[in-house]
Amino acid sequence: EFSYRFIDKDGKTTGYKSFTPISFRDEVLSHFNPDEYIMFMNDPSRPYYKLYEIDLDRNVYEGMNWKYINLPMEEIKKMAIEALKAGKSLYYSCDVGKQLDKNEGLLDLDNYDYSTVYGISFTMDKKQRILTFESGSTHGMNLIGVDIVDDQPTKWLVENSWGSTGRKGNLIMTDAWFDEYTFRIVIPREFVSQEIQKILEEKPILLPVWDPMFSPDN
């Protein structure tokens, strides 16, 4: 057993209540159905519109491997925007350490000018960075907002887990950074077309546990 309390939406702290893991699931997570969510990945190092499975990537021994649909970033962003507009928050993972200004809580491709400092031109694209283990999915967060200007996303907002670091615990990403270093977003089925959902019926392509995309995965 363990004791649990929380601050409700009105800012009031509840009293402690005892739970077991199973009773907590039944009471607090009774509305949650994992089958209502689909994991999407943007990995340009392998074909899009395919279903993939990561071998031995599961939380418990008898559990299921992760499966995801690999899509172009523009397709993923369209679904994510619609979900955010509907008030949903989304599981999100990226390569958070790249071009991160922790104090400002800002992820921007122009934060640091490494090329001038080192006299080297950094020309690898996203696919090349993945294949050389230079970039991968390293940190999971909660995608909670997007700034739309002239029908196009310009900035994205994530809720982080590093306490008050950044903007009161949040990070802002420019859309250009989002394209380069975003990898995985989990989106409710209601925002996914039937055509895309049909990909889930295909036999997944099994990826080895040492795949470059997932060796540093969070």
N, C-alpha and C. Protein backbone atom coordinates (compact mmCIF):
# COMPACT_ATOMS: atom_id res chain seq x y z
N GLU A 1 0.83 -1.21 0.00
CA GLU A 1 0.00 0.00 0.00
C GLU A 1 0.86 1.25 0.00
N PHE A 2 0.28 2.35 -0.47
CA PHE A 2 0.93 3.64 -0.38
C PHE A 2 -0.14 4.71 -0.17
N SER A 3 0.27 5.85 0.37
CA SER A 3 -0.66 6.95 0.61
C SER A 3 -0.45 8.01 -0.46
N TYR A 4 -1.55 8.64 -0.88
CA TYR A 4 -1.51 9.58 -2.00
C TYR A 4 -2.46 10.73 -1.75
N ARG A 5 -2.02 11.94 -2.09
CA ARG A 5 -2.91 13.10 -2.07
C ARG A 5 -2.52 14.00 -3.23
N PHE A 6 -3.37 14.97 -3.56
CA PHE A 6 -3.09 15.82 -4.71
C PHE A 6 -3.74 17.18 -4.51
N ILE A 7 -3.33 18.13 -5.35
CA ILE A 7 -3.94 19.46 -5.39
C ILE A 7 -4.96 19.45 -6.51
N ASP A 8 -6.23 19.77 -6.20
CA ASP A 8 -7.28 19.71 -7.21
C ASP A 8 -7.28 20.96 -8.08
N LYS A 9 -8.20 21.02 -9.04
CA LYS A 9 -8.23 22.12 -10.00
C LYS A 9 -8.54 23.46 -9.35
N ASP A 10 -9.09 23.42 -8.13
CA ASP A 10 -9.37 24.66 -7.40
C ASP A 10 -8.24 25.07 -6.47
N GLY A 11 -7.13 24.34 -6.52
CA GLY A 11 -5.98 24.68 -5.71
C GLY A 11 -6.03 24.14 -4.29
N LYS A 12 -6.99 23.27 -3.99
CA LYS A 12 -7.11 22.72 -2.65
C LYS A 12 -6.38 21.37 -2.56
N THR A 13 -5.67 21.20 -1.44
CA THR A 13 -4.95 19.95 -1.21
C THR A 13 -5.89 18.94 -0.55
N THR A 14 -6.00 17.79 -1.15
CA THR A 14 -6.88 16.75 -0.60
C THR A 14 -6.19 16.04 0.57
N GLY A 15 -6.95 15.26 1.31
CA GLY A 15 -6.37 14.45 2.36
C GLY A 15 -5.71 13.21 1.79
N TYR A 16 -4.89 12.56 2.61
CA TYR A 16 -4.24 11.33 2.17
C TYR A 16 -5.24 10.19 2.08
N LYS A 17 -5.03 9.34 1.08
CA LYS A 17 -5.85 8.14 0.92
C LYS A 17 -4.93 6.98 0.59
N SER A 18 -5.23 5.82 1.14
CA SER A 18 -4.38 4.65 0.91
C SER A 18 -4.84 3.88 -0.33
N PHE A 19 -3.85 3.42 -1.10
CA PHE A 19 -4.11 2.66 -2.32
C PHE A 19 -3.14 1.49 -2.39
N THR A 20 -3.52 0.49 -3.17
CA THR A 20 -2.58 -0.47 -3.73
C THR A 20 -2.42 -0.07 -5.20
N PRO A 21 -1.40 -0.55 -5.89
CA PRO A 21 -1.29 -0.21 -7.31
C PRO A 21 -2.56 -0.52 -8.11
N ILE A 22 -3.20 -1.65 -7.79
CA ILE A 22 -4.40 -2.04 -8.54
C ILE A 22 -5.58 -1.14 -8.19
N SER A 23 -5.77 -0.81 -6.91
CA SER A 23 -6.90 0.05 -6.54
C SER A 23 -6.69 1.47 -7.08
N PHE A 24 -5.43 1.92 -7.15
CA PHE A 24 -5.14 3.23 -7.72
C PHE A 24 -5.51 3.26 -9.20
N ARG A 25 -5.13 2.19 -9.91
CA ARG A 25 -5.49 2.09 -11.33
C ARG A 25 -7.01 2.12 -11.51
N ASP A 26 -7.72 1.34 -10.69
CA ASP A 26 -9.16 1.24 -10.86
C ASP A 26 -9.89 2.54 -10.55
N GLU A 27 -9.39 3.30 -9.57
CA GLU A 27 -10.08 4.53 -9.18
C GLU A 27 -9.62 5.75 -9.97
N VAL A 28 -8.31 5.92 -10.11
CA VAL A 28 -7.78 7.14 -10.71
C VAL A 28 -7.68 7.04 -12.22
N LEU A 29 -7.40 5.84 -12.73
CA LEU A 29 -7.19 5.67 -14.17
C LEU A 29 -8.29 4.86 -14.83
N SER A 30 -9.44 4.78 -14.19
CA SER A 30 -10.50 3.93 -14.72
C SER A 30 -10.99 4.39 -16.10
N HIS A 31 -10.83 5.68 -16.39
CA HIS A 31 -11.30 6.21 -17.67
C HIS A 31 -10.30 6.00 -18.79
N PHE A 32 -9.07 5.59 -18.45
CA PHE A 32 -8.00 5.53 -19.44
C PHE A 32 -8.01 4.20 -20.18
N ASN A 33 -8.05 4.28 -21.49
CA ASN A 33 -7.99 3.09 -22.35
C ASN A 33 -6.81 3.25 -23.31
N PRO A 34 -5.73 2.50 -23.11
CA PRO A 34 -4.55 2.68 -23.97
C PRO A 34 -4.82 2.41 -25.44
N ASP A 35 -5.85 1.62 -25.74
CA ASP A 35 -6.17 1.33 -27.14
C ASP A 35 -6.68 2.55 -27.89
N GLU A 36 -7.02 3.61 -27.16
CA GLU A 36 -7.53 4.82 -27.79
C GLU A 36 -6.41 5.75 -28.26
N TYR A 37 -5.16 5.33 -28.07
CA TYR A 37 -4.02 6.19 -28.41
C TYR A 37 -3.10 5.47 -29.39
N ILE A 38 -2.47 6.24 -30.26
CA ILE A 38 -1.56 5.69 -31.26
C ILE A 38 -0.24 6.44 -31.18
N MET A 39 0.86 5.70 -31.19
CA MET A 39 2.18 6.30 -31.15
C MET A 39 2.68 6.56 -32.57
N PHE A 40 3.18 7.79 -32.78
CA PHE A 40 3.74 8.17 -34.08
C PHE A 40 5.19 8.58 -33.90
N MET A 41 5.98 8.30 -34.94
CA MET A 41 7.39 8.63 -34.93
C MET A 41 7.74 9.35 -36.22
N ASN A 42 8.66 10.30 -36.10
CA ASN A 42 9.24 10.89 -37.30
C ASN A 42 10.70 10.45 -37.37
N ASP A 43 10.95 9.44 -38.19
CA ASP A 43 12.29 8.89 -38.35
C ASP A 43 12.59 8.80 -39.84
N PRO A 44 13.24 9.82 -40.41
CA PRO A 44 13.51 9.83 -41.85
C PRO A 44 14.56 8.82 -42.29
N SER A 45 15.12 8.04 -41.36
CA SER A 45 16.13 7.06 -41.75
C SER A 45 15.50 5.77 -42.26
N ARG A 46 14.16 5.66 -42.17
CA ARG A 46 13.49 4.46 -42.69
C ARG A 46 12.16 4.87 -43.32
N PRO A 47 11.52 3.98 -44.10
CA PRO A 47 10.33 4.34 -44.87
C PRO A 47 9.17 4.82 -43.99
N TYR A 48 8.44 5.80 -44.51
CA TYR A 48 7.24 6.32 -43.84
C TYR A 48 6.03 5.45 -44.17
N TYR A 49 4.95 5.70 -43.43
CA TYR A 49 3.66 5.00 -43.61
C TYR A 49 3.82 3.49 -43.39
N LYS A 50 4.68 3.13 -42.45
CA LYS A 50 4.90 1.75 -42.08
C LYS A 50 4.76 1.61 -40.56
N LEU A 51 4.42 0.37 -40.12
CA LEU A 51 4.30 0.06 -38.70
C LEU A 51 5.59 -0.62 -38.25
N TYR A 52 6.13 -0.15 -37.11
CA TYR A 52 7.38 -0.69 -36.58
C TYR A 52 7.17 -1.15 -35.14
N GLU A 53 7.98 -2.14 -34.75
CA GLU A 53 7.97 -2.65 -33.39
C GLU A 53 9.42 -2.71 -32.89
N ILE A 54 9.64 -2.29 -31.64
CA ILE A 54 10.98 -2.29 -31.08
C ILE A 54 11.16 -3.54 -30.22
N ASP A 55 12.06 -4.40 -30.59
CA ASP A 55 12.25 -5.66 -29.88
C ASP A 55 12.74 -5.41 -28.45
N LEU A 56 12.12 -6.11 -27.49
CA LEU A 56 12.51 -6.06 -26.07
C LEU A 56 12.37 -4.68 -25.45
N ASP A 57 11.57 -3.82 -26.05
CA ASP A 57 11.36 -2.47 -25.49
C ASP A 57 10.00 -2.44 -24.83
N ARG A 58 9.93 -2.93 -23.60
CA ARG A 58 8.68 -2.99 -22.88
C ARG A 58 8.94 -2.74 -21.39
N ASN A 59 7.90 -2.34 -20.68
CA ASN A 59 8.06 -1.95 -19.29
C ASN A 59 8.10 -3.12 -18.32
N VAL A 60 7.45 -4.22 -18.67
CA VAL A 60 7.45 -5.40 -17.81
C VAL A 60 7.72 -6.62 -18.68
N TYR A 61 8.20 -7.70 -18.05
CA TYR A 61 8.63 -8.89 -18.79
C TYR A 61 7.53 -9.45 -19.68
N GLU A 62 6.32 -9.52 -19.14
CA GLU A 62 5.22 -10.11 -19.91
C GLU A 62 4.48 -9.07 -20.74
N GLY A 63 5.00 -7.86 -20.79
CA GLY A 63 4.33 -6.79 -21.51
C GLY A 63 4.53 -6.86 -23.02
N MET A 64 3.97 -5.87 -23.72
CA MET A 64 4.05 -5.80 -25.18
C MET A 64 5.14 -4.83 -25.60
N ASN A 65 5.79 -5.13 -26.72
CA ASN A 65 6.76 -4.19 -27.28
C ASN A 65 6.07 -2.93 -27.77
N TRP A 66 6.80 -1.84 -27.78
CA TRP A 66 6.28 -0.60 -28.36
C TRP A 66 6.08 -0.77 -29.87
N LYS A 67 4.96 -0.27 -30.35
CA LYS A 67 4.70 -0.23 -31.79
C LYS A 67 4.35 1.20 -32.17
N TYR A 68 4.80 1.62 -33.31
CA TYR A 68 4.53 2.99 -33.75
C TYR A 68 4.43 3.06 -35.26
N ILE A 69 3.74 4.09 -35.73
CA ILE A 69 3.65 4.38 -37.16
C ILE A 69 4.62 5.50 -37.49
N ASN A 70 5.45 5.27 -38.48
CA ASN A 70 6.43 6.28 -38.90
C ASN A 70 5.80 7.17 -39.98
N LEU A 71 5.75 8.47 -39.73
CA LEU A 71 5.11 9.42 -40.65
C LEU A 71 5.99 10.64 -40.86
N PRO A 72 5.79 11.34 -42.00
CA PRO A 72 6.44 12.64 -42.19
C PRO A 72 6.01 13.60 -41.09
N MET A 73 6.90 14.53 -40.74
CA MET A 73 6.61 15.45 -39.65
C MET A 73 5.34 16.27 -39.90
N GLU A 74 5.11 16.70 -41.12
CA GLU A 74 3.94 17.52 -41.40
C GLU A 74 2.64 16.79 -41.08
N GLU A 75 2.60 15.49 -41.35
CA GLU A 75 1.41 14.69 -41.05
C GLU A 75 1.19 14.63 -39.54
N ILE A 76 2.27 14.40 -38.80
CA ILE A 76 2.16 14.30 -37.34
C ILE A 76 1.72 15.63 -36.75
N LYS A 77 2.28 16.72 -37.25
CA LYS A 77 1.95 18.05 -36.70
C LYS A 77 0.48 18.40 -36.92
N LYS A 78 -0.07 18.03 -38.05
CA LYS A 78 -1.48 18.33 -38.30
C LYS A 78 -2.38 17.67 -37.26
N MET A 79 -2.11 16.40 -36.96
CA MET A 79 -2.91 15.68 -35.97
C MET A 79 -2.69 16.26 -34.57
N ALA A 80 -1.44 16.57 -34.25
CA ALA A 80 -1.12 17.12 -32.93
C ALA A 80 -1.81 18.46 -32.72
N ILE A 81 -1.84 19.30 -33.74
CA ILE A 81 -2.48 20.61 -33.64
C ILE A 81 -3.97 20.46 -33.38
N GLU A 82 -4.61 19.55 -34.09
CA GLU A 82 -6.04 19.35 -33.89
C GLU A 82 -6.33 18.85 -32.47
N ALA A 83 -5.48 17.96 -31.97
CA ALA A 83 -5.68 17.45 -30.61
C ALA A 83 -5.47 18.55 -29.57
N LEU A 84 -4.45 19.39 -29.76
CA LEU A 84 -4.20 20.48 -28.83
C LEU A 84 -5.34 21.49 -28.85
N LYS A 85 -5.87 21.78 -30.03
CA LYS A 85 -7.00 22.71 -30.14
C LYS A 85 -8.23 22.18 -29.40
N ALA A 86 -8.33 20.86 -29.30
CA ALA A 86 -9.46 20.24 -28.61
C ALA A 86 -9.22 20.12 -27.10
N GLY A 87 -8.10 20.67 -26.65
CA GLY A 87 -7.82 20.67 -25.21
C GLY A 87 -7.08 19.45 -24.71
N LYS A 88 -6.52 18.65 -25.61
CA LYS A 88 -5.78 17.46 -25.20
C LYS A 88 -4.32 17.83 -24.93
N SER A 89 -3.68 17.09 -24.03
CA SER A 89 -2.23 17.16 -23.89
C SER A 89 -1.68 15.83 -24.37
N LEU A 90 -0.45 15.83 -24.92
CA LEU A 90 0.06 14.68 -25.64
C LEU A 90 1.43 14.26 -25.13
N TYR A 91 1.64 12.94 -24.97
CA TYR A 91 2.98 12.46 -24.66
C TYR A 91 3.88 12.79 -25.85
N TYR A 92 5.09 13.26 -25.52
CA TYR A 92 5.98 13.81 -26.53
C TYR A 92 7.42 13.49 -26.15
N SER A 93 8.25 13.11 -27.13
CA SER A 93 9.67 12.92 -26.83
C SER A 93 10.52 13.54 -27.92
N CYS A 94 11.73 13.96 -27.50
CA CYS A 94 12.61 14.66 -28.42
C CYS A 94 14.06 14.50 -27.97
N ASP A 95 14.97 15.12 -28.67
CA ASP A 95 16.38 15.18 -28.28
C ASP A 95 16.59 16.51 -27.56
N VAL A 96 16.18 16.55 -26.29
CA VAL A 96 16.03 17.80 -25.55
C VAL A 96 17.34 18.54 -25.34
N GLY A 97 18.47 17.86 -25.38
CA GLY A 97 19.73 18.53 -25.08
C GLY A 97 20.28 19.36 -26.21
N LYS A 98 19.71 19.27 -27.40
CA LYS A 98 20.24 20.00 -28.54
C LYS A 98 19.74 21.45 -28.56
N GLN A 99 20.69 22.39 -28.57
CA GLN A 99 20.38 23.83 -28.67
C GLN A 99 19.39 24.26 -27.57
N LEU A 100 19.60 23.78 -26.36
CA LEU A 100 18.72 24.10 -25.23
C LEU A 100 19.30 25.22 -24.40
N ASP A 101 18.52 26.26 -24.18
CA ASP A 101 18.84 27.31 -23.22
C ASP A 101 17.96 27.07 -22.00
N LYS A 102 18.54 26.45 -20.95
CA LYS A 102 17.76 26.07 -19.78
C LYS A 102 17.19 27.28 -19.05
N ASN A 103 17.99 28.34 -18.95
CA ASN A 103 17.54 29.51 -18.21
C ASN A 103 16.34 30.18 -18.85
N GLU A 104 16.35 30.27 -20.17
CA GLU A 104 15.24 30.89 -20.90
C GLU A 104 14.12 29.89 -21.18
N GLY A 105 14.41 28.61 -21.00
CA GLY A 105 13.42 27.59 -21.33
C GLY A 105 13.12 27.57 -22.81
N LEU A 106 14.16 27.76 -23.63
CA LEU A 106 13.97 27.91 -25.08
C LEU A 106 14.81 26.91 -25.85
N LEU A 107 14.18 26.23 -26.80
CA LEU A 107 14.84 25.32 -27.73
C LEU A 107 14.74 25.95 -29.12
N ASP A 108 15.89 26.38 -29.64
CA ASP A 108 15.93 27.15 -30.89
C ASP A 108 17.21 26.79 -31.63
N LEU A 109 17.13 26.56 -32.93
CA LEU A 109 18.31 26.19 -33.72
C LEU A 109 19.39 27.26 -33.69
N ASP A 110 19.01 28.50 -33.38
CA ASP A 110 19.98 29.61 -33.39
C ASP A 110 20.46 30.00 -31.99
N ASN A 111 20.20 29.16 -31.00
CA ASN A 111 20.64 29.51 -29.64
C ASN A 111 22.16 29.62 -29.54
N TYR A 112 22.87 28.69 -30.18
CA TYR A 112 24.33 28.66 -30.07
C TYR A 112 24.95 28.51 -31.45
N ASP A 113 26.00 29.30 -31.72
CA ASP A 113 26.66 29.28 -33.02
C ASP A 113 27.94 28.44 -32.93
N TYR A 114 27.77 27.13 -32.96
CA TYR A 114 28.91 26.24 -32.85
C TYR A 114 29.82 26.31 -34.08
N SER A 115 29.26 26.56 -35.24
CA SER A 115 30.05 26.58 -36.47
C SER A 115 31.14 27.64 -36.42
N THR A 116 30.77 28.84 -35.96
CA THR A 116 31.75 29.92 -35.87
C THR A 116 32.80 29.64 -34.81
N VAL A 117 32.38 29.12 -33.67
CA VAL A 117 33.31 28.85 -32.57
C VAL A 117 34.36 27.81 -32.96
N TYR A 118 33.91 26.71 -33.59
CA TYR A 118 34.82 25.61 -33.90
C TYR A 118 35.37 25.65 -35.33
N GLY A 119 34.85 26.55 -36.16
CA GLY A 119 35.31 26.63 -37.54
C GLY A 119 34.94 25.40 -38.35
N ILE A 120 33.81 24.78 -37.99
CA ILE A 120 33.34 23.57 -38.68
C ILE A 120 31.91 23.79 -39.15
N SER A 121 31.62 23.34 -40.35
CA SER A 121 30.26 23.44 -40.86
C SER A 121 29.49 22.17 -40.49
N PHE A 122 28.43 22.34 -39.69
CA PHE A 122 27.61 21.20 -39.27
C PHE A 122 26.47 21.03 -40.27
N THR A 123 26.63 20.06 -41.16
CA THR A 123 25.71 19.94 -42.29
C THR A 123 24.84 18.69 -42.25
N MET A 124 24.97 17.84 -41.24
CA MET A 124 24.18 16.61 -41.21
C MET A 124 22.70 16.93 -41.06
N ASP A 125 21.87 16.21 -41.80
CA ASP A 125 20.43 16.37 -41.64
C ASP A 125 19.92 15.39 -40.58
N LYS A 126 18.62 15.37 -40.36
CA LYS A 126 18.05 14.55 -39.30
C LYS A 126 18.35 13.07 -39.51
N LYS A 127 18.20 12.60 -40.73
CA LYS A 127 18.47 11.20 -41.04
C LYS A 127 19.91 10.83 -40.72
N GLN A 128 20.85 11.67 -41.12
CA GLN A 128 22.26 11.38 -40.88
C GLN A 128 22.60 11.41 -39.39
N ARG A 129 21.97 12.33 -38.66
CA ARG A 129 22.22 12.39 -37.22
C ARG A 129 21.73 11.13 -36.51
N ILE A 130 20.60 10.60 -36.96
CA ILE A 130 20.07 9.36 -36.38
C ILE A 130 21.02 8.19 -36.65
N LEU A 131 21.42 8.02 -37.91
CA LEU A 131 22.24 6.87 -38.30
C LEU A 131 23.63 6.89 -37.69
N THR A 132 24.12 8.05 -37.29
CA THR A 132 25.44 8.16 -36.68
C THR A 132 25.36 8.28 -35.16
N PHE A 133 24.18 8.03 -34.58
CA PHE A 133 23.96 8.09 -33.13
C PHE A 133 24.18 9.49 -32.57
N GLU A 134 24.14 10.50 -33.43
CA GLU A 134 24.31 11.87 -32.98
C GLU A 134 23.02 12.42 -32.38
N SER A 135 21.88 11.84 -32.75
CA SER A 135 20.60 12.35 -32.26
C SER A 135 19.62 11.20 -32.12
N GLY A 136 18.75 11.30 -31.13
CA GLY A 136 17.72 10.29 -30.91
C GLY A 136 16.76 10.76 -29.85
N SER A 137 15.75 9.96 -29.58
CA SER A 137 14.73 10.30 -28.60
C SER A 137 15.30 10.12 -27.19
N THR A 138 15.54 11.22 -26.47
CA THR A 138 16.24 11.14 -25.19
C THR A 138 15.38 11.56 -23.99
N HIS A 139 14.25 12.21 -24.21
CA HIS A 139 13.51 12.74 -23.05
C HIS A 139 12.02 12.84 -23.38
N GLY A 140 11.18 12.35 -22.47
CA GLY A 140 9.74 12.43 -22.63
C GLY A 140 9.16 13.60 -21.86
N MET A 141 8.21 14.31 -22.46
CA MET A 141 7.55 15.45 -21.83
C MET A 141 6.07 15.46 -22.21
N ASN A 142 5.39 16.53 -21.87
CA ASN A 142 3.96 16.65 -22.11
C ASN A 142 3.72 17.83 -23.05
N LEU A 143 3.31 17.57 -24.29
CA LEU A 143 3.05 18.63 -25.25
C LEU A 143 1.70 19.26 -24.94
N ILE A 144 1.70 20.56 -24.62
CA ILE A 144 0.47 21.19 -24.13
C ILE A 144 0.00 22.40 -24.93
N GLY A 145 0.81 22.91 -25.87
CA GLY A 145 0.36 24.11 -26.59
C GLY A 145 1.11 24.34 -27.88
N VAL A 146 0.48 25.12 -28.76
CA VAL A 146 1.10 25.51 -30.03
C VAL A 146 0.64 26.92 -30.39
N ASP A 147 1.56 27.70 -30.95
CA ASP A 147 1.25 29.07 -31.39
C ASP A 147 1.07 29.05 -32.90
N ILE A 148 -0.13 29.42 -33.36
CA ILE A 148 -0.45 29.39 -34.78
C ILE A 148 -0.50 30.81 -35.33
N VAL A 149 0.24 31.08 -36.40
CA VAL A 149 0.22 32.37 -37.08
C VAL A 149 -0.01 32.12 -38.56
N ASP A 150 -1.05 32.74 -39.13
CA ASP A 150 -1.40 32.55 -40.55
C ASP A 150 -1.53 31.06 -40.87
N ASP A 151 -2.20 30.33 -39.97
CA ASP A 151 -2.49 28.90 -40.14
C ASP A 151 -1.25 28.00 -40.10
N GLN A 152 -0.13 28.55 -39.62
CA GLN A 152 1.08 27.75 -39.54
C GLN A 152 1.64 27.78 -38.11
N PRO A 153 2.13 26.64 -37.61
CA PRO A 153 2.73 26.65 -36.27
C PRO A 153 4.05 27.39 -36.25
N THR A 154 4.27 28.21 -35.25
CA THR A 154 5.54 28.93 -35.12
C THR A 154 6.31 28.50 -33.87
N LYS A 155 5.59 28.16 -32.81
CA LYS A 155 6.21 27.73 -31.55
C LYS A 155 5.35 26.65 -30.90
N TRP A 156 5.99 25.81 -30.07
CA TRP A 156 5.31 24.75 -29.36
C TRP A 156 5.67 24.83 -27.87
N LEU A 157 4.75 24.40 -27.01
CA LEU A 157 4.94 24.46 -25.57
C LEU A 157 4.86 23.08 -24.96
N VAL A 158 5.87 22.72 -24.15
CA VAL A 158 5.86 21.45 -23.44
C VAL A 158 5.99 21.67 -21.94
N GLU A 159 5.31 20.81 -21.19
CA GLU A 159 5.46 20.79 -19.74
C GLU A 159 6.53 19.76 -19.41
N ASN A 160 7.57 20.21 -18.70
CA ASN A 160 8.72 19.36 -18.42
C ASN A 160 8.64 18.79 -17.00
N SER A 161 9.64 18.01 -16.63
CA SER A 161 9.66 17.36 -15.31
C SER A 161 10.89 17.76 -14.50
N TRP A 162 11.45 18.94 -14.80
CA TRP A 162 12.67 19.39 -14.13
C TRP A 162 12.37 20.49 -13.10
N GLY A 163 11.26 20.40 -12.43
CA GLY A 163 10.91 21.43 -11.45
C GLY A 163 10.61 22.75 -12.13
N SER A 164 11.15 23.84 -11.58
CA SER A 164 10.85 25.18 -12.10
C SER A 164 11.80 25.63 -13.21
N THR A 165 12.68 24.74 -13.66
CA THR A 165 13.63 25.08 -14.72
C THR A 165 12.89 25.60 -15.96
N GLY A 166 13.47 26.61 -16.60
CA GLY A 166 12.84 27.17 -17.80
C GLY A 166 11.77 28.16 -17.45
N ARG A 167 10.63 28.08 -18.10
CA ARG A 167 9.52 29.01 -17.89
C ARG A 167 8.51 28.37 -16.94
N LYS A 168 8.85 28.42 -15.64
CA LYS A 168 8.01 27.82 -14.60
C LYS A 168 7.74 26.35 -14.89
N GLY A 169 8.78 25.67 -15.32
CA GLY A 169 8.68 24.24 -15.59
C GLY A 169 8.34 23.89 -17.03
N ASN A 170 8.09 24.89 -17.85
CA ASN A 170 7.75 24.66 -19.26
C ASN A 170 8.91 25.03 -20.17
N LEU A 171 8.93 24.47 -21.36
CA LEU A 171 9.90 24.80 -22.39
C LEU A 171 9.17 25.23 -23.65
N ILE A 172 9.73 26.21 -24.35
CA ILE A 172 9.20 26.65 -25.64
C ILE A 172 10.14 26.18 -26.74
N MET A 173 9.58 25.62 -27.81
CA MET A 173 10.35 25.16 -28.96
C MET A 173 9.93 25.93 -30.20
N THR A 174 10.88 26.42 -30.97
CA THR A 174 10.51 26.99 -32.26
C THR A 174 10.09 25.85 -33.19
N ASP A 175 9.31 26.18 -34.20
CA ASP A 175 8.83 25.14 -35.12
C ASP A 175 10.00 24.51 -35.88
N ALA A 176 11.02 25.32 -36.20
CA ALA A 176 12.19 24.78 -36.92
C ALA A 176 12.93 23.77 -36.05
N TRP A 177 13.05 24.06 -34.74
CA TRP A 177 13.68 23.10 -33.83
C TRP A 177 12.82 21.84 -33.71
N PHE A 178 11.52 22.04 -33.62
CA PHE A 178 10.56 20.94 -33.51
C PHE A 178 10.76 19.95 -34.65
N ASP A 179 10.92 20.46 -35.87
CA ASP A 179 11.10 19.60 -37.04
C ASP A 179 12.36 18.75 -36.93
N GLU A 180 13.44 19.34 -36.43
CA GLU A 180 14.74 18.67 -36.42
C GLU A 180 14.90 17.68 -35.27
N TYR A 181 14.29 17.94 -34.12
CA TYR A 181 14.61 17.15 -32.94
C TYR A 181 13.41 16.49 -32.26
N THR A 182 12.23 16.62 -32.84
CA THR A 182 11.06 15.88 -32.34
C THR A 182 11.07 14.49 -32.95
N PHE A 183 10.73 13.49 -32.13
CA PHE A 183 10.70 12.12 -32.64
C PHE A 183 9.35 11.45 -32.43
N ARG A 184 8.81 11.49 -31.22
CA ARG A 184 7.63 10.67 -30.94
C ARG A 184 6.52 11.51 -30.31
N ILE A 185 5.28 11.30 -30.79
CA ILE A 185 4.10 11.91 -30.19
C ILE A 185 2.99 10.86 -30.15
N VAL A 186 2.31 10.76 -29.03
CA VAL A 186 1.17 9.84 -28.88
C VAL A 186 -0.12 10.65 -29.00
N ILE A 187 -0.99 10.24 -29.93
CA ILE A 187 -2.17 11.03 -30.30
C ILE A 187 -3.43 10.18 -30.17
N PRO A 188 -4.51 10.71 -29.61
CA PRO A 188 -5.78 9.95 -29.53
C PRO A 188 -6.29 9.57 -30.91
N ARG A 189 -6.90 8.41 -31.02
CA ARG A 189 -7.40 7.91 -32.30
C ARG A 189 -8.38 8.87 -32.97
N GLU A 190 -9.14 9.60 -32.17
CA GLU A 190 -10.18 10.45 -32.75
C GLU A 190 -9.62 11.53 -33.68
N PHE A 191 -8.32 11.79 -33.60
CA PHE A 191 -7.70 12.80 -34.45
C PHE A 191 -6.88 12.16 -35.58
N VAL A 192 -7.01 10.84 -35.73
CA VAL A 192 -6.24 10.10 -36.73
C VAL A 192 -7.18 9.57 -37.79
N SER A 193 -6.86 9.79 -39.05
CA SER A 193 -7.72 9.34 -40.14
C SER A 193 -7.79 7.83 -40.19
N GLN A 194 -8.89 7.31 -40.77
CA GLN A 194 -9.04 5.87 -40.91
C GLN A 194 -7.95 5.29 -41.80
N GLU A 195 -7.52 6.04 -42.77
CA GLU A 195 -6.45 5.57 -43.66
C GLU A 195 -5.17 5.30 -42.89
N ILE A 196 -4.81 6.22 -42.00
CA ILE A 196 -3.60 6.04 -41.20
C ILE A 196 -3.80 4.91 -40.19
N GLN A 197 -5.00 4.82 -39.59
CA GLN A 197 -5.25 3.77 -38.61
C GLN A 197 -5.12 2.37 -39.22
N LYS A 198 -5.41 2.24 -40.51
CA LYS A 198 -5.32 0.93 -41.16
C LYS A 198 -3.90 0.39 -41.17
N ILE A 199 -2.91 1.28 -41.03
CA ILE A 199 -1.52 0.84 -40.99
C ILE A 199 -1.28 -0.07 -39.78
N LEU A 200 -2.07 0.13 -38.71
CA LEU A 200 -1.93 -0.69 -37.51
C LEU A 200 -2.26 -2.16 -37.77
N GLU A 201 -2.98 -2.43 -38.85
CA GLU A 201 -3.35 -3.81 -39.18
C GLU A 201 -2.23 -4.56 -39.89
N GLU A 202 -1.20 -3.84 -40.31
CA GLU A 202 -0.09 -4.48 -41.01
C GLU A 202 0.81 -5.23 -40.03
N LYS A 203 1.55 -6.19 -40.54
CA LYS A 203 2.55 -6.86 -39.72
C LYS A 203 3.69 -5.88 -39.46
N PRO A 204 4.02 -5.63 -38.19
CA PRO A 204 5.06 -4.63 -37.91
C PRO A 204 6.45 -5.09 -38.33
N ILE A 205 7.28 -4.15 -38.70
CA ILE A 205 8.69 -4.41 -38.99
C ILE A 205 9.43 -4.39 -37.67
N LEU A 206 10.06 -5.51 -37.31
CA LEU A 206 10.72 -5.63 -36.01
C LEU A 206 12.11 -5.01 -36.06
N LEU A 207 12.36 -4.07 -35.15
CA LEU A 207 13.66 -3.41 -35.06
C LEU A 207 14.45 -3.99 -33.90
N PRO A 208 15.76 -4.13 -34.05
CA PRO A 208 16.58 -4.69 -32.96
C PRO A 208 16.68 -3.73 -31.80
N VAL A 209 16.96 -4.27 -30.63
CA VAL A 209 17.04 -3.45 -29.43
C VAL A 209 18.16 -2.43 -29.53
N TRP A 210 19.16 -2.68 -30.35
CA TRP A 210 20.30 -1.75 -30.49
C TRP A 210 20.10 -0.73 -31.61
N ASP A 211 18.88 -0.65 -32.14
CA ASP A 211 18.60 0.32 -33.20
C ASP A 211 19.06 1.72 -32.78
N PRO A 212 19.68 2.48 -33.67
CA PRO A 212 20.22 3.80 -33.29
C PRO A 212 19.18 4.78 -32.79
N MET A 213 17.95 4.63 -33.21
CA MET A 213 16.91 5.55 -32.74
C MET A 213 16.60 5.35 -31.26
N PHE A 214 16.78 4.15 -30.74
CA PHE A 214 16.23 3.84 -29.42
C PHE A 214 17.26 3.51 -28.35
N SER A 215 18.53 3.46 -28.70
CA SER A 215 19.52 3.11 -27.66
C SER A 215 19.53 4.11 -26.51
N PRO A 216 19.31 5.44 -26.76
CA PRO A 216 19.28 6.37 -25.62
C PRO A 216 17.86 6.69 -25.19
N ASP A 217 16.89 5.89 -25.62
CA ASP A 217 15.50 6.29 -25.53
C ASP A 217 14.99 6.45 -24.11
N ASN A 218 14.06 7.40 -23.95
CA ASN A 218 13.38 7.62 -22.66
C ASN A 218 11.91 7.36 -22.88
